Amino acid sequence: MSGLNDRVVVVTGAGGGLGREYALTLARNGARVVVNDLGGARDGSGSGSAMADSVVDEIRSEGGLAVANYDSVATREGAEAVIGTAINEFGAVHGVVNNAGILRDGAFHKMTDENWEAVLNVHLNGGYHVTRAAWPHFREQKFGRVVVATSTSGIYGNFGQANYGAAKLGLVGLVNTLAIEGAKYGIVANAIAPMASTRMTEDIAPADFLLTLPAAHVSPVVAHLMSEDCTSTGCVFVVGGGQVQRVTQFQNKGVTFGEPPTVDEVARRWSEIVDMAGAVPGKNPLG
């Protein structure tokens, strides 16, 4: 893929699962890849270098270019070190795939502050920190590609994943603004909601369903979003099981009140307010 030749792409959480597939596909298509992985467990505990090193070895064995990084994306210092690895090893950074994530599921009434903050720190703050560290380089070179991993749990909700869903939909809000602010600098930003069989999903979906969702189905879409050939921006894609679907927000015609309505007037017209017949793609009326 000419649109990826010699491009330097950082993939966070690339030591296994989807991140590994992204890193391999990017390298096979000419990108130089920073394989970031803290090497911890699914809940974020622990650390180690073996996971990232293994993927780097795999890429190099195929003739690709890759380097490992083991910093946590949950802090500004860690994220700056991730981007610093790209600059120090390859002299540039052209794209970031914010894939790193952890799970600490539980019903909302049992949610602890620790589990709430840990998930938001890795997913939402991690996406912010890594992209923020790369952003000055993107602006200066007038080129950049950002992909964040959102989730159908954020778009539609899922029992036991209030922390995860909030973080994942927060990343969509981030991408929406990055797409606007990056436009004049050649920066495009998009989100994918991947559906794949990995250690993150091994016990939250039926085994027979997971068999239909190999991670290899998702990585070509991410590679395209990282390439020069992609000009789409501010989009959300649900990807998995051979399907690639764009998801967007819609708004209906609504109801207009000439004067501030009474509560009873709102109630009487509620069926019109919630009726989505004839809805069209939404837009920000303030911008």
C-alpha atoms as a PDB file:
ATOM      1  CA  MET A   1       0.000   0.000   0.000  1.00  0.00           C
ATOM      2  CA  SER A   2       1.801   3.132  -1.211  1.00  0.00           C
ATOM      3  CA  GLY A   3      -0.171   5.279   1.209  1.00  0.00           C
ATOM      4  CA  LEU A   4       1.710   3.678   4.111  1.00  0.00           C
ATOM      5  CA  ASN A   5       5.231   3.344   2.737  1.00  0.00           C
ATOM      6  CA  ASP A   6       7.758   4.661   5.267  1.00  0.00           C
ATOM      7  CA  ARG A   7       5.052   6.188   7.427  1.00  0.00           C
ATOM      8  CA  VAL A   8       5.730   5.923  11.165  1.00  0.00           C
ATOM      9  CA  VAL A   9       2.728   4.675  13.095  1.00  0.00           C
ATOM     10  CA  VAL A  10       2.376   4.179  16.838  1.00  0.00           C
ATOM     11  CA  VAL A  11       0.016   1.407  17.913  1.00  0.00           C
ATOM     12  CA  THR A  12      -0.782   1.300  21.625  1.00  0.00           C
ATOM     13  CA  GLY A  13      -1.750  -1.946  23.278  1.00  0.00           C
ATOM     14  CA  ALA A  14      -0.126  -3.778  20.377  1.00  0.00           C
ATOM     15  CA  GLY A  15       1.259  -6.752  22.272  1.00  0.00           C
ATOM     16  CA  GLY A  16      -1.678  -9.003  21.452  1.00  0.00           C
ATOM     17  CA  GLY A  17      -5.187  -9.258  20.045  1.00  0.00           C
ATOM     18  CA  LEU A  18      -6.338  -6.442  17.817  1.00  0.00           C
ATOM     19  CA  GLY A  19      -3.284  -4.273  18.450  1.00  0.00           C
ATOM     20  CA  ARG A  20      -0.987  -7.036  17.270  1.00  0.00           C
ATOM     21  CA  GLU A  21      -3.044  -7.435  14.089  1.00  0.00           C
ATOM     22  CA  TYR A  22      -2.913  -3.692  13.464  1.00  0.00           C
ATOM     23  CA  ALA A  23       0.848  -3.601  13.904  1.00  0.00           C
ATOM     24  CA  LEU A  24       1.418  -6.587  11.629  1.00  0.00           C
ATOM     25  CA  THR A  25      -0.860  -5.284   8.875  1.00  0.00           C
ATOM     26  CA  LEU A  26       0.668  -1.814   8.985  1.00  0.00           C
ATOM     27  CA  ALA A  27       4.200  -3.222   8.785  1.00  0.00           C
ATOM     28  CA  ARG A  28       3.281  -5.580   5.937  1.00  0.00           C
ATOM     29  CA  ASN A  29       2.071  -2.555   4.014  1.00  0.00           C
ATOM     30  CA  GLY A  30       5.242  -0.539   4.414  1.00  0.00           C
ATOM     31  CA  ALA A  31       4.791   1.342   7.684  1.00  0.00           C
ATOM     32  CA  ARG A  32       7.425   1.582  10.387  1.00  0.00           C
ATOM     33  CA  VAL A  33       5.697   0.641  13.615  1.00  0.00           C
ATOM     34  CA  VAL A  34       6.135   1.481  17.277  1.00  0.00           C
ATOM     35  CA  VAL A  35       4.659  -1.479  19.148  1.00  0.00           C
ATOM     36  CA  ASN A  36       3.568  -0.116  22.515  1.00  0.00           C
ATOM     37  CA  ASP A  37       2.378  -2.439  25.260  1.00  0.00           C
ATOM     38  CA  LEU A  38       2.641  -2.209  29.020  1.00  0.00           C
ATOM     39  CA  GLY A  39       2.531  -5.994  29.164  1.00  0.00           C
ATOM     40  CA  GLY A  40      -0.073  -6.143  31.910  1.00  0.00           C
ATOM     41  CA  ALA A  41      -3.144  -8.262  32.548  1.00  0.00           C
ATOM     42  CA  ARG A  42      -6.592  -7.509  31.147  1.00  0.00           C
ATOM     43  CA  ASP A  43      -7.486  -5.485  34.238  1.00  0.00           C
ATOM     44  CA  GLY A  44      -4.368  -3.341  33.861  1.00  0.00           C
ATOM     45  CA  SER A  45      -2.366  -4.947  36.639  1.00  0.00           C
ATOM     46  CA  GLY A  46       1.248  -5.965  36.153  1.00  0.00           C
ATOM     47  CA  SER A  47       3.701  -5.136  33.392  1.00  0.00           C
ATOM     48  CA  GLY A  48       6.372  -6.710  31.247  1.00  0.00           C
ATOM     49  CA  SER A  49       8.244  -6.457  27.965  1.00  0.00           C
ATOM     50  CA  ALA A  50       7.593  -9.889  26.472  1.00  0.00           C
ATOM     51  CA  MET A  51       4.338  -9.073  24.665  1.00  0.00           C
ATOM     52  CA  ALA A  52       5.641  -6.052  22.759  1.00  0.00           C
ATOM     53  CA  ASP A  53       8.967  -7.751  22.055  1.00  0.00           C
ATOM     54  CA  SER A  54       7.207 -10.775  20.581  1.00  0.00           C
ATOM     55  CA  VAL A  55       5.278  -8.657  18.080  1.00  0.00           C
ATOM     56  CA  VAL A  56       8.386  -6.718  17.122  1.00  0.00           C
ATOM     57  CA  ASP A  57      10.222  -9.985  16.526  1.00  0.00           C
ATOM     58  CA  GLU A  58       7.328 -11.203  14.377  1.00  0.00           C
ATOM     59  CA  ILE A  59       7.381  -8.058  12.255  1.00  0.00           C
ATOM     60  CA  ARG A  60      11.143  -8.163  11.834  1.00  0.00           C
ATOM     61  CA  SER A  61      11.064 -11.831  10.883  1.00  0.00           C
ATOM     62  CA  GLU A  62       8.866 -10.831   7.941  1.00  0.00           C
ATOM     63  CA  GLY A  63      11.269  -8.101   6.881  1.00  0.00           C
ATOM     64  CA  GLY A  64       9.364  -5.226   8.449  1.00  0.00           C
ATOM     65  CA  LEU A  65      10.572  -2.367  10.636  1.00  0.00           C
ATOM     66  CA  ALA A  66       9.374  -2.106  14.224  1.00  0.00           C
ATOM     67  CA  VAL A  67      10.520  -1.115  17.687  1.00  0.00           C
ATOM     68  CA  ALA A  68       9.015  -1.871  21.087  1.00  0.00           C
ATOM     69  CA  ASN A  69       7.870   0.554  23.772  1.00  0.00           C
ATOM     70  CA  TYR A  70       6.608  -0.435  27.225  1.00  0.00           C
ATOM     71  CA  ASP A  71       5.329   2.859  28.676  1.00  0.00           C
ATOM     72  CA  SER A  72       1.851   3.388  30.093  1.00  0.00           C
ATOM     73  CA  VAL A  73      -0.415   5.625  28.034  1.00  0.00           C
ATOM     74  CA  ALA A  74      -2.399   6.567  31.154  1.00  0.00           C
ATOM     75  CA  THR A  75      -0.008   9.408  32.017  1.00  0.00           C
ATOM     76  CA  ARG A  76       1.327  12.374  30.086  1.00  0.00           C
ATOM     77  CA  GLU A  77       4.903  11.289  30.780  1.00  0.00           C
ATOM     78  CA  GLY A  78       4.263   7.764  29.510  1.00  0.00           C
ATOM     79  CA  ALA A  79       2.559   8.966  26.352  1.00  0.00           C
ATOM     80  CA  GLU A  80       5.341  11.436  25.627  1.00  0.00           C
ATOM     81  CA  ALA A  81       7.809   8.576  25.957  1.00  0.00           C
ATOM     82  CA  VAL A  82       5.769   6.517  23.476  1.00  0.00           C
ATOM     83  CA  ILE A  83       5.894   9.289  20.883  1.00  0.00           C
ATOM     84  CA  GLY A  84       9.511   9.951  21.805  1.00  0.00           C
ATOM     85  CA  THR A  85      10.333   6.378  20.826  1.00  0.00           C
ATOM     86  CA  ALA A  86       8.927   7.042  17.344  1.00  0.00           C
ATOM     87  CA  ILE A  87      10.936  10.248  16.969  1.00  0.00           C
ATOM     88  CA  ASN A  88      14.163   8.794  18.356  1.00  0.00           C
ATOM     89  CA  GLU A  89      14.026   5.528  16.409  1.00  0.00           C
ATOM     90  CA  PHE A  90      12.443   6.607  13.124  1.00  0.00           C
ATOM     91  CA  GLY A  91      12.752  10.396  13.080  1.00  0.00           C
ATOM     92  CA  ALA A  92       9.040  11.123  12.754  1.00  0.00           C
ATOM     93  CA  VAL A  93       5.509  10.172  13.704  1.00  0.00           C
ATOM     94  CA  HIS A  94       2.712  10.186  11.138  1.00  0.00           C
ATOM     95  CA  GLY A  95      -0.102   8.300  12.818  1.00  0.00           C
ATOM     96  CA  VAL A  96      -1.354   6.975  16.148  1.00  0.00           C
ATOM     97  CA  VAL A  97      -3.727   4.075  16.752  1.00  0.00           C
ATOM     98  CA  ASN A  98      -5.118   4.458  20.258  1.00  0.00           C
ATOM     99  CA  ASN A  99      -5.916   0.831  20.962  1.00  0.00           C
ATOM    100  CA  ALA A 100      -4.658   0.258  24.526  1.00  0.00           C
ATOM    101  CA  GLY A 101      -7.387  -0.738  26.938  1.00  0.00           C
ATOM    102  CA  ILE A 102      -8.331  -2.569  30.090  1.00  0.00           C
ATOM    103  CA  LEU A 103     -11.557  -3.997  31.478  1.00  0.00           C
ATOM    104  CA  ARG A 104     -12.950  -3.714  34.989  1.00  0.00           C
ATOM    105  CA  ASP A 105     -16.581  -4.622  34.481  1.00  0.00           C
ATOM    106  CA  GLY A 106     -19.298  -4.499  37.110  1.00  0.00           C
ATOM    107  CA  ALA A 107     -22.884  -3.369  37.562  1.00  0.00           C
ATOM    108  CA  PHE A 108     -23.150   0.364  38.148  1.00  0.00           C
ATOM    109  CA  HIS A 109     -24.387   0.019  41.727  1.00  0.00           C
ATOM    110  CA  LYS A 110     -21.203  -1.910  42.488  1.00  0.00           C
ATOM    111  CA  MET A 111     -18.855   0.430  40.610  1.00  0.00           C
ATOM    112  CA  THR A 112     -15.899   1.657  42.654  1.00  0.00           C
ATOM    113  CA  ASP A 113     -14.091   4.919  42.117  1.00  0.00           C
ATOM    114  CA  GLU A 114     -10.896   2.951  41.560  1.00  0.00           C
ATOM    115  CA  ASN A 115     -12.381   0.868  38.736  1.00  0.00           C
ATOM    116  CA  TRP A 116     -14.060   3.902  37.181  1.00  0.00           C
ATOM    117  CA  GLU A 117     -10.877   5.954  37.151  1.00  0.00           C
ATOM    118  CA  ALA A 118      -8.597   3.111  36.047  1.00  0.00           C
ATOM    119  CA  VAL A 119     -10.650   2.426  32.914  1.00  0.00           C
ATOM    120  CA  LEU A 120     -11.031   6.104  32.005  1.00  0.00           C
ATOM    121  CA  ASN A 121      -7.314   6.698  32.573  1.00  0.00           C
ATOM    122  CA  VAL A 122      -6.257   4.055  30.066  1.00  0.00           C
ATOM    123  CA  HIS A 123      -8.947   4.473  27.403  1.00  0.00           C
ATOM    124  CA  LEU A 124      -9.980   8.122  27.418  1.00  0.00           C
ATOM    125  CA  ASN A 125      -6.999   9.794  29.041  1.00  0.00           C
ATOM    126  CA  GLY A 126      -4.660   7.450  27.183  1.00  0.00           C
ATOM    127  CA  GLY A 127      -6.178   8.452  23.855  1.00  0.00           C
ATOM    128  CA  TYR A 128      -5.823  12.095  24.838  1.00  0.00           C
ATOM    129  CA  HIS A 129      -2.244  11.849  26.113  1.00  0.00           C
ATOM    130  CA  VAL A 130      -0.858   9.928  23.132  1.00  0.00           C
ATOM    131  CA  THR A 131      -2.630  12.070  20.538  1.00  0.00           C
ATOM    132  CA  ARG A 132      -1.688  15.271  22.367  1.00  0.00           C
ATOM    133  CA  ALA A 133       1.983  14.249  22.357  1.00  0.00           C
ATOM    134  CA  ALA A 134       1.861  13.552  18.608  1.00  0.00           C
ATOM    135  CA  TRP A 135      -0.260  16.591  17.695  1.00  0.00           C
ATOM    136  CA  PRO A 136       2.544  19.216  17.410  1.00  0.00           C
ATOM    137  CA  HIS A 137       4.412  16.924  15.005  1.00  0.00           C
ATOM    138  CA  PHE A 138       1.272  16.437  12.911  1.00  0.00           C
ATOM    139  CA  ARG A 139       0.634  20.185  12.715  1.00  0.00           C
ATOM    140  CA  GLU A 140       4.224  21.018  11.835  1.00  0.00           C
ATOM    141  CA  GLN A 141       4.444  18.461   9.021  1.00  0.00           C
ATOM    142  CA  LYS A 142       0.850  19.141   7.919  1.00  0.00           C
ATOM    143  CA  PHE A 143      -0.004  15.481   7.995  1.00  0.00           C
ATOM    144  CA  GLY A 144      -1.368  13.170  10.652  1.00  0.00           C
ATOM    145  CA  ARG A 145      -3.650  10.223  11.132  1.00  0.00           C
ATOM    146  CA  VAL A 146      -5.528   9.446  14.341  1.00  0.00           C
ATOM    147  CA  VAL A 147      -7.606   6.361  15.050  1.00  0.00           C
ATOM    148  CA  VAL A 148      -9.258   5.758  18.409  1.00  0.00           C
ATOM    149  CA  ALA A 149     -10.861   2.514  19.478  1.00  0.00           C
ATOM    150  CA  THR A 150     -14.417   3.188  20.531  1.00  0.00           C
ATOM    151  CA  SER A 151     -16.934   0.418  21.210  1.00  0.00           C
ATOM    152  CA  THR A 152     -20.522  -0.553  20.632  1.00  0.00           C
ATOM    153  CA  SER A 153     -20.689  -0.543  24.442  1.00  0.00           C
ATOM    154  CA  GLY A 154     -20.145   3.198  24.268  1.00  0.00           C
ATOM    155  CA  ILE A 155     -22.367   3.809  21.258  1.00  0.00           C
ATOM    156  CA  TYR A 156     -25.280   1.659  22.425  1.00  0.00           C
ATOM    157  CA  GLY A 157     -24.506   0.699  26.030  1.00  0.00           C
ATOM    158  CA  ASN A 158     -23.848  -2.667  27.650  1.00  0.00           C
ATOM    159  CA  PHE A 159     -24.687  -4.066  31.066  1.00  0.00           C
ATOM    160  CA  GLY A 160     -21.804  -3.863  33.504  1.00  0.00           C
ATOM    161  CA  GLN A 161     -19.702  -1.505  31.404  1.00  0.00           C
ATOM    162  CA  ALA A 162     -20.584   1.990  32.596  1.00  0.00           C
ATOM    163  CA  ASN A 163     -16.914   2.912  32.991  1.00  0.00           C
ATOM    164  CA  TYR A 164     -15.849   1.334  29.711  1.00  0.00           C
ATOM    165  CA  GLY A 165     -18.818   2.729  27.761  1.00  0.00           C
ATOM    166  CA  ALA A 166     -18.315   6.245  29.107  1.00  0.00           C
ATOM    167  CA  ALA A 167     -14.634   6.188  28.163  1.00  0.00           C
ATOM    168  CA  LYS A 168     -15.308   4.785  24.710  1.00  0.00           C
ATOM    169  CA  LEU A 169     -17.979   7.331  23.792  1.00  0.00           C
ATOM    170  CA  GLY A 170     -15.761  10.069  25.202  1.00  0.00           C
ATOM    171  CA  LEU A 171     -13.208   9.121  22.558  1.00  0.00           C
ATOM    172  CA  VAL A 172     -15.812   9.753  19.860  1.00  0.00           C
ATOM    173  CA  GLY A 173     -16.267  13.263  21.225  1.00  0.00           C
ATOM    174  CA  LEU A 174     -12.508  13.729  21.087  1.00  0.00           C
ATOM    175  CA  VAL A 175     -12.339  12.570  17.465  1.00  0.00           C
ATOM    176  CA  ASN A 176     -15.194  14.871  16.450  1.00  0.00           C
ATOM    177  CA  THR A 177     -13.218  17.891  17.605  1.00  0.00           C
ATOM    178  CA  LEU A 178      -9.847  16.656  16.331  1.00  0.00           C
ATOM    179  CA  ALA A 179     -11.385  16.270  12.875  1.00  0.00           C
ATOM    180  CA  ILE A 180     -12.425  19.926  12.922  1.00  0.00           C
ATOM    181  CA  GLU A 181      -9.215  21.337  14.382  1.00  0.00           C
ATOM    182  CA  GLY A 182      -6.951  19.152  12.270  1.00  0.00           C
ATOM    183  CA  ALA A 183      -8.578  19.789   8.900  1.00  0.00           C
ATOM    184  CA  LYS A 184      -6.361  22.659   7.779  1.00  0.00           C
ATOM    185  CA  TYR A 185      -3.235  20.752   8.810  1.00  0.00           C
ATOM    186  CA  GLY A 186      -3.893  17.613   6.795  1.00  0.00           C
ATOM    187  CA  ILE A 187      -4.855  15.673   9.913  1.00  0.00           C
ATOM    188  CA  VAL A 188      -7.749  13.225   9.792  1.00  0.00           C
ATOM    189  CA  ALA A 189      -9.216  11.537  12.857  1.00  0.00           C
ATOM    190  CA  ASN A 190     -11.638   8.631  13.016  1.00  0.00           C
ATOM    191  CA  ALA A 191     -12.990   6.031  15.425  1.00  0.00           C
ATOM    192  CA  ILE A 192     -13.530   2.323  15.019  1.00  0.00           C
ATOM    193  CA  ALA A 193     -15.695   0.054  17.137  1.00  0.00           C
ATOM    194  CA  PRO A 194     -14.017  -3.301  16.550  1.00  0.00           C
ATOM    195  CA  MET A 195     -15.771  -6.602  17.106  1.00  0.00           C
ATOM    196  CA  ALA A 196     -13.215  -9.380  17.436  1.00  0.00           C
ATOM    197  CA  SER A 197     -12.275 -12.446  19.401  1.00  0.00           C
ATOM    198  CA  THR A 198      -9.505 -11.375  21.811  1.00  0.00           C
ATOM    199  CA  ARG A 199      -8.719 -11.714  25.498  1.00  0.00           C
ATOM    200  CA  MET A 200     -10.827  -8.589  26.069  1.00  0.00           C
ATOM    201  CA  THR A 201     -13.948 -10.322  24.744  1.00  0.00           C
ATOM    202  CA  GLU A 202     -13.292 -13.973  25.602  1.00  0.00           C
ATOM    203  CA  ASP A 203     -15.835 -14.096  28.441  1.00  0.00           C
ATOM    204  CA  ILE A 204     -18.323 -11.394  27.447  1.00  0.00           C
ATOM    205  CA  ALA A 205     -19.726 -12.998  24.279  1.00  0.00           C
ATOM    206  CA  PRO A 206     -20.713 -16.553  23.342  1.00  0.00           C
ATOM    207  CA  ALA A 207     -17.819 -18.684  22.090  1.00  0.00           C
ATOM    208  CA  ASP A 208     -19.594 -19.661  18.861  1.00  0.00           C
ATOM    209  CA  PHE A 209     -20.230 -15.989  18.083  1.00  0.00           C
ATOM    210  CA  LEU A 210     -16.597 -15.073  18.751  1.00  0.00           C
ATOM    211  CA  LEU A 211     -15.492 -17.690  16.233  1.00  0.00           C
ATOM    212  CA  THR A 212     -17.073 -15.519  13.522  1.00  0.00           C
ATOM    213  CA  LEU A 213     -15.022 -12.490  14.562  1.00  0.00           C
ATOM    214  CA  PRO A 214     -11.320 -12.982  13.775  1.00  0.00           C
ATOM    215  CA  ALA A 215      -9.225  -9.911  14.519  1.00  0.00           C
ATOM    216  CA  ALA A 216      -7.770 -10.077  11.007  1.00  0.00           C
ATOM    217  CA  HIS A 217     -11.046  -8.674   9.639  1.00  0.00           C
ATOM    218  CA  VAL A 218     -10.501  -5.376  11.447  1.00  0.00           C
ATOM    219  CA  SER A 219      -6.868  -4.525  10.751  1.00  0.00           C
ATOM    220  CA  PRO A 220      -7.173  -3.651   7.016  1.00  0.00           C
ATOM    221  CA  VAL A 221      -9.681  -0.919   7.898  1.00  0.00           C
ATOM    222  CA  VAL A 222      -7.318   0.555  10.475  1.00  0.00           C
ATOM    223  CA  ALA A 223      -4.456   0.433   7.969  1.00  0.00           C
ATOM    224  CA  HIS A 224      -6.546   2.333   5.425  1.00  0.00           C
ATOM    225  CA  LEU A 225      -7.462   4.959   8.030  1.00  0.00           C
ATOM    226  CA  MET A 226      -3.728   5.438   8.704  1.00  0.00           C
ATOM    227  CA  SER A 227      -2.811   5.855   5.045  1.00  0.00           C
ATOM    228  CA  GLU A 228      -2.400   8.881   2.816  1.00  0.00           C
ATOM    229  CA  ASP A 229      -5.233   7.494   0.698  1.00  0.00           C
ATOM    230  CA  CYS A 230      -7.828   8.085   3.424  1.00  0.00           C
ATOM    231  CA  THR A 231      -9.387  11.536   3.581  1.00  0.00           C
ATOM    232  CA  SER A 232     -12.488  10.613   5.596  1.00  0.00           C
ATOM    233  CA  THR A 233     -12.504  12.339   8.967  1.00  0.00           C
ATOM    234  CA  GLY A 234     -14.757  12.579  11.999  1.00  0.00           C
ATOM    235  CA  CYS A 235     -16.285   9.169  11.228  1.00  0.00           C
ATOM    236  CA  VAL A 236     -17.167   6.180  13.390  1.00  0.00           C
ATOM    237  CA  PHE A 237     -16.998   2.684  11.923  1.00  0.00           C
ATOM    238  CA  VAL A 238     -18.226  -0.588  13.391  1.00  0.00           C
ATOM    239  CA  VAL A 239     -15.929  -3.286  12.022  1.00  0.00           C
ATOM    240  CA  GLY A 240     -16.030  -7.043  12.504  1.00  0.00           C
ATOM    241  CA  GLY A 241     -17.027 -10.393  11.081  1.00  0.00           C
ATOM    242  CA  GLY A 242     -16.481  -9.199   7.525  1.00  0.00           C
ATOM    243  CA  GLN A 243     -18.703  -6.120   7.851  1.00  0.00           C
ATOM    244  CA  VAL A 244     -17.622  -2.484   7.821  1.00  0.00           C
ATOM    245  CA  GLN A 245     -20.401  -0.069   8.755  1.00  0.00           C
ATOM    246  CA  ARG A 246     -20.410   3.655   9.342  1.00  0.00           C
ATOM    247  CA  VAL A 247     -22.398   4.864  12.347  1.00  0.00           C
ATOM    248  CA  THR A 248     -23.551   8.444  12.712  1.00  0.00           C
ATOM    249  CA  GLN A 249     -25.952  10.513  14.797  1.00  0.00           C
ATOM    250  CA  PHE A 250     -29.315  11.634  13.487  1.00  0.00           C
ATOM    251  CA  GLN A 251     -31.764  14.306  14.537  1.00  0.00           C
ATOM    252  CA  ASN A 252     -35.455  14.603  13.804  1.00  0.00           C
ATOM    253  CA  LYS A 253     -37.470  17.630  12.750  1.00  0.00           C
ATOM    254  CA  GLY A 254     -38.384  18.220  16.359  1.00  0.00           C
ATOM    255  CA  VAL A 255     -40.977  20.552  17.797  1.00  0.00           C
ATOM    256  CA  THR A 256     -40.734  24.352  17.962  1.00  0.00           C
ATOM    257  CA  PHE A 257     -42.379  26.296  20.771  1.00  0.00           C
ATOM    258  CA  GLY A 258     -42.875  30.016  20.169  1.00  0.00           C
ATOM    259  CA  GLU A 259     -42.926  30.733  23.886  1.00  0.00           C
ATOM    260  CA  PRO A 260     -41.474  28.759  26.791  1.00  0.00           C
ATOM    261  CA  PRO A 261     -43.891  25.825  27.064  1.00  0.00           C
ATOM    262  CA  THR A 262     -45.529  24.531  30.164  1.00  0.00           C
ATOM    263  CA  VAL A 263     -44.631  21.070  31.390  1.00  0.00           C
ATOM    264  CA  ASP A 264     -48.056  19.881  30.241  1.00  0.00           C
ATOM    265  CA  GLU A 265     -47.444  21.270  26.735  1.00  0.00           C
ATOM    266  CA  VAL A 266     -44.168  19.392  26.523  1.00  0.00           C
ATOM    267  CA  ALA A 267     -45.897  16.216  27.678  1.00  0.00           C
ATOM    268  CA  ARG A 268     -48.685  16.592  25.096  1.00  0.00           C
ATOM    269  CA  ARG A 269     -46.195  16.864  22.252  1.00  0.00           C
ATOM    270  CA  TRP A 270     -43.728  14.293  23.562  1.00  0.00           C
ATOM    271  CA  SER A 271     -44.622  11.712  20.913  1.00  0.00           C
ATOM    272  CA  GLU A 272     -43.596  14.235  18.234  1.00  0.00           C
ATOM    273  CA  ILE A 273     -40.398  15.120  20.063  1.00  0.00           C
ATOM    274  CA  VAL A 274     -39.202  11.500  20.168  1.00  0.00           C
ATOM    275  CA  ASP A 275     -40.449  10.482  16.703  1.00  0.00           C
ATOM    276  CA  MET A 276     -37.436   9.748  14.480  1.00  0.00           C
ATOM    277  CA  ALA A 277     -39.381   9.401  11.239  1.00  0.00           C
ATOM    278  CA  GLY A 278     -37.657  11.433   8.554  1.00  0.00           C
ATOM    279  CA  ALA A 279     -34.581  12.076  10.692  1.00  0.00           C
ATOM    280  CA  VAL A 280     -31.435  13.378   8.986  1.00  0.00           C
ATOM    281  CA  PRO A 281     -27.743  13.339   9.990  1.00  0.00           C
ATOM    282  CA  GLY A 282     -27.190  15.709  12.887  1.00  0.00           C
ATOM    283  CA  LYS A 283     -24.880  18.700  13.053  1.00  0.00           C
ATOM    284  CA  ASN A 284     -23.708  21.154  15.674  1.00  0.00           C
ATOM    285  CA  PRO A 285     -25.881  24.290  15.411  1.00  0.00           C
ATOM    286  CA  LEU A 286     -23.132  26.297  17.124  1.00  0.00           C
ATOM    287  CA  GLY A 287     -20.402  25.549  14.630  1.00  0.00           C
END
